[in-house]
Protein backbone atom coordinates (compact mmCIF):
# COMPACT_ATOMS: atom_id res chain seq x y z
CA MET A 1 -12.25 11.77 -36.51
CA LYS A 2 -8.57 12.93 -35.22
CA LYS A 3 -10.60 15.07 -32.61
CA ILE A 4 -12.75 12.23 -31.62
CA SER A 5 -9.74 9.90 -30.91
CA VAL A 6 -8.00 12.32 -29.21
CA LEU A 7 -11.21 13.20 -26.85
CA ILE A 8 -11.32 9.32 -26.88
CA LEU A 9 -7.80 9.12 -25.52
CA PHE A 10 -8.10 11.97 -22.69
CA MET A 11 -11.56 10.24 -21.35
CA GLY A 12 -9.63 7.10 -21.21
CA THR A 13 -6.71 8.57 -19.11
CA MET A 14 -9.64 10.41 -17.27
CA LEU A 15 -11.38 7.17 -16.49
CA PHE A 16 -7.61 5.08 -15.35
CA GLY A 17 -6.75 7.99 -13.34
CA GLN A 18 -9.75 7.80 -11.56
CA SER A 19 -9.43 4.01 -10.82
CA ASP A 20 -6.05 4.53 -10.02
CA GLU A 21 -7.40 7.03 -7.15
CA LYS A 22 -10.17 4.41 -5.93
CA ILE A 23 -7.23 1.49 -5.60
CA LEU A 24 -5.54 4.20 -3.54
CA ILE A 25 -8.44 5.50 -1.98
CA THR A 26 -9.56 1.95 -0.81
CA LYS A 27 -6.41 0.78 0.58
CA ALA A 28 -6.31 4.16 2.87
CA LEU A 29 -9.68 3.28 4.05
CA ASP A 30 -8.83 -0.67 4.51
CA ASP A 31 -5.75 0.57 6.18
CA TRP A 32 -7.58 2.72 8.14
CA HIS A 33 -9.73 0.15 9.72
CA ALA A 34 -7.07 -2.51 10.24
CA ALA A 35 -5.11 0.09 12.20
CA ALA A 36 -8.13 0.30 14.53
CA GLY A 37 -8.56 -3.41 14.95
CA SER A 38 -4.98 -4.02 15.51
CA ALA A 39 -4.55 -1.29 18.15
CA ASP A 40 -2.30 0.77 15.66
CA PHE A 41 -2.41 4.19 17.30
CA ASP A 42 -0.22 5.99 14.88
CA THR A 43 -1.35 4.33 11.47
CA TYR A 44 -4.86 5.35 12.56
CA PHE A 45 -4.32 8.52 13.22
CA GLY A 46 -1.44 9.08 10.63
CA LEU A 47 -4.44 8.63 7.81
CA MET A 48 -6.94 11.54 9.48
CA THR A 49 -6.26 15.00 8.49
CA GLU A 50 -4.79 17.32 10.93
CA ASP A 51 -8.25 19.14 10.95
CA ALA A 52 -10.53 15.85 10.45
CA VAL A 53 -13.82 15.22 12.02
CA PHE A 54 -15.46 12.03 13.57
CA ILE A 55 -19.40 11.80 13.81
CA GLY A 56 -19.83 8.65 15.88
CA THR A 57 -23.24 6.83 16.63
CA ASP A 58 -24.38 8.44 19.29
CA ALA A 59 -25.64 12.42 19.20
CA THR A 60 -23.13 13.76 21.28
CA GLU A 61 -20.40 12.48 19.35
CA ASN A 62 -18.80 15.20 17.19
CA TRP A 63 -15.36 15.07 17.46
CA GLN A 64 -12.31 17.24 16.22
CA ARG A 65 -9.59 15.22 15.69
CA ASP A 66 -7.72 16.25 19.21
CA GLU A 67 -11.05 15.16 20.67
CA PHE A 68 -11.26 11.89 19.21
CA ILE A 69 -7.73 11.23 20.06
CA ASN A 70 -8.18 11.76 23.43
CA TYR A 71 -11.11 9.67 23.56
CA ALA A 72 -9.67 6.80 21.70
CA LYS A 73 -6.15 6.66 23.35
CA PRO A 74 -7.18 4.55 26.29
CA HIS A 75 -8.85 2.05 23.74
CA PHE A 76 -5.84 1.64 21.60
CA ASP A 77 -3.44 1.91 24.48
CA LYS A 78 -5.52 -1.17 26.12
CA GLY A 79 -5.13 -3.04 22.59
CA ARG A 80 -9.19 -3.07 22.44
CA ALA A 81 -10.46 -0.48 19.86
CA TRP A 82 -13.01 -1.75 17.33
CA ASN A 83 -12.65 -3.89 14.48
CA PHE A 84 -14.54 -2.99 11.40
CA THR A 85 -14.57 -4.55 8.04
CA ALA A 86 -15.48 -2.74 4.61
CA VAL A 87 -18.17 -5.37 2.96
CA GLU A 88 -19.47 -2.90 0.54
CA ARG A 89 -18.11 0.23 -0.97
CA ASN A 90 -18.74 3.17 -2.64
CA ILE A 91 -16.19 6.02 -3.80
CA TYR A 92 -16.63 8.99 -5.86
CA VAL A 93 -13.54 11.32 -6.48
CA ASN A 94 -13.62 14.62 -7.86
CA GLY A 95 -12.34 16.14 -11.34
CA GLU A 96 -9.18 17.14 -10.01
CA ALA A 97 -8.75 13.56 -8.10
CA ASN A 98 -8.07 15.65 -4.41
CA ILE A 99 -11.31 15.18 -3.12
CA ALA A 100 -13.10 11.99 -2.79
CA TRP A 101 -16.39 11.00 -0.59
CA PHE A 102 -17.63 7.47 -0.08
CA ASP A 103 -20.29 5.47 1.81
CA GLU A 104 -19.68 1.90 3.09
CA LEU A 105 -21.36 -0.97 4.88
CA LEU A 106 -19.29 -2.26 7.78
CA ASP A 107 -19.28 -5.28 9.45
CA THR A 108 -18.75 -4.31 13.30
CA GLN A 109 -19.00 -5.44 16.36
CA MET A 110 -22.54 -4.05 16.21
CA LYS A 111 -23.57 -5.97 13.40
CA ILE A 112 -24.39 -3.85 10.11
CA CYS A 113 -22.94 0.07 10.53
CA ARG A 114 -22.52 2.27 7.47
CA GLY A 115 -19.85 4.81 7.23
CA SER A 116 -19.57 7.51 4.89
CA GLY A 117 -16.71 10.42 4.82
CA VAL A 118 -14.77 12.68 2.75
CA LEU A 119 -11.25 11.98 1.72
CA LYS A 120 -8.52 14.83 0.74
CA LYS A 121 -4.80 14.44 -0.53
CA VAL A 122 -2.29 15.60 1.30
CA ASN A 123 1.14 15.67 0.40
CA GLY A 124 0.35 12.90 -2.50
CA LYS A 125 -1.87 10.79 -0.03
CA TRP A 126 -4.98 10.08 0.46
CA LYS A 127 -5.95 11.56 4.12
CA ILE A 128 -9.81 10.86 5.96
CA ALA A 129 -11.09 14.61 6.41
CA HIS A 130 -14.69 13.78 7.55
CA TYR A 131 -16.25 10.66 8.53
CA VAL A 132 -19.71 9.73 9.99
CA LEU A 133 -20.32 6.27 11.38
CA SER A 134 -24.02 4.84 11.98
CA ILE A 135 -25.78 1.81 12.97
CA ALA A 136 -28.19 0.66 10.39
CA VAL A 137 -31.34 0.18 11.39
CA PRO A 138 -33.92 -2.17 9.48
CA ASN A 139 -37.06 -0.22 8.59
CA GLU A 140 -39.15 -2.65 10.56
CA ASN A 141 -37.19 -2.03 13.77
CA VAL A 142 -37.49 1.81 13.84
CA ASP A 143 -40.43 2.07 15.62
CA GLU A 144 -38.79 -0.03 18.49
CA LEU A 145 -35.59 1.88 18.44
CA VAL A 146 -37.47 5.20 18.85
CA LYS A 147 -39.25 3.81 21.99
CA LEU A 148 -35.93 3.13 23.64
CA LYS A 149 -34.06 5.86 22.73
CA GLY A 150 -37.21 8.16 23.07
CA GLU A 151 -36.31 9.52 27.11
CA LYS A 152 -33.21 10.22 26.14
CA ASP A 153 -33.55 12.13 23.27
CA SER A 154 -36.07 13.78 24.31
CA LEU A 155 -32.99 15.24 27.47
CA LEU A 156 -30.65 15.66 25.11
CA LEU A 157 -33.15 17.56 22.43
CA LYS A 158 -34.47 20.01 24.65
CA GLN A 159 -30.65 20.29 26.53
CA LEU A 160 -29.65 21.20 22.54
CA LYS A 161 -32.63 23.78 22.20
CA MET A 162 -31.69 25.87 25.14
CA ASN A 163 -28.08 26.20 23.89
């Protein structure tokens, strides 16, 4: 009986710890999105790891952090970054509570998008290490979308296969 009580206490502590971490992760992600919405450059990039990767909606947008900074800085400087608000989010945390991954649906100027990524705990704070943004396309519109982007994709595929 004593072993079962200890096991229940241990599992409760693990679950409580996971919940605390998820609250902190939610805050980091919400603060990150809010920083973009208010064009707060320092906060936005401060919430990313030094080796972060940002993958945008265009097939050519696979940026290492410094490349992403170069792309984003003019938008932030104009006070017109992007405005994403999470409307649904799932967060998963590893057993050591130092790596987390998530997916989220976002309300954006592009309508519904999906974000997904990985966070690392760095010096006790959660930071985005990898983020993927994609435009959500209803299945019934996929054929229309494929036609719309077909020519550009064909040219890019040809270029990529040559490299």
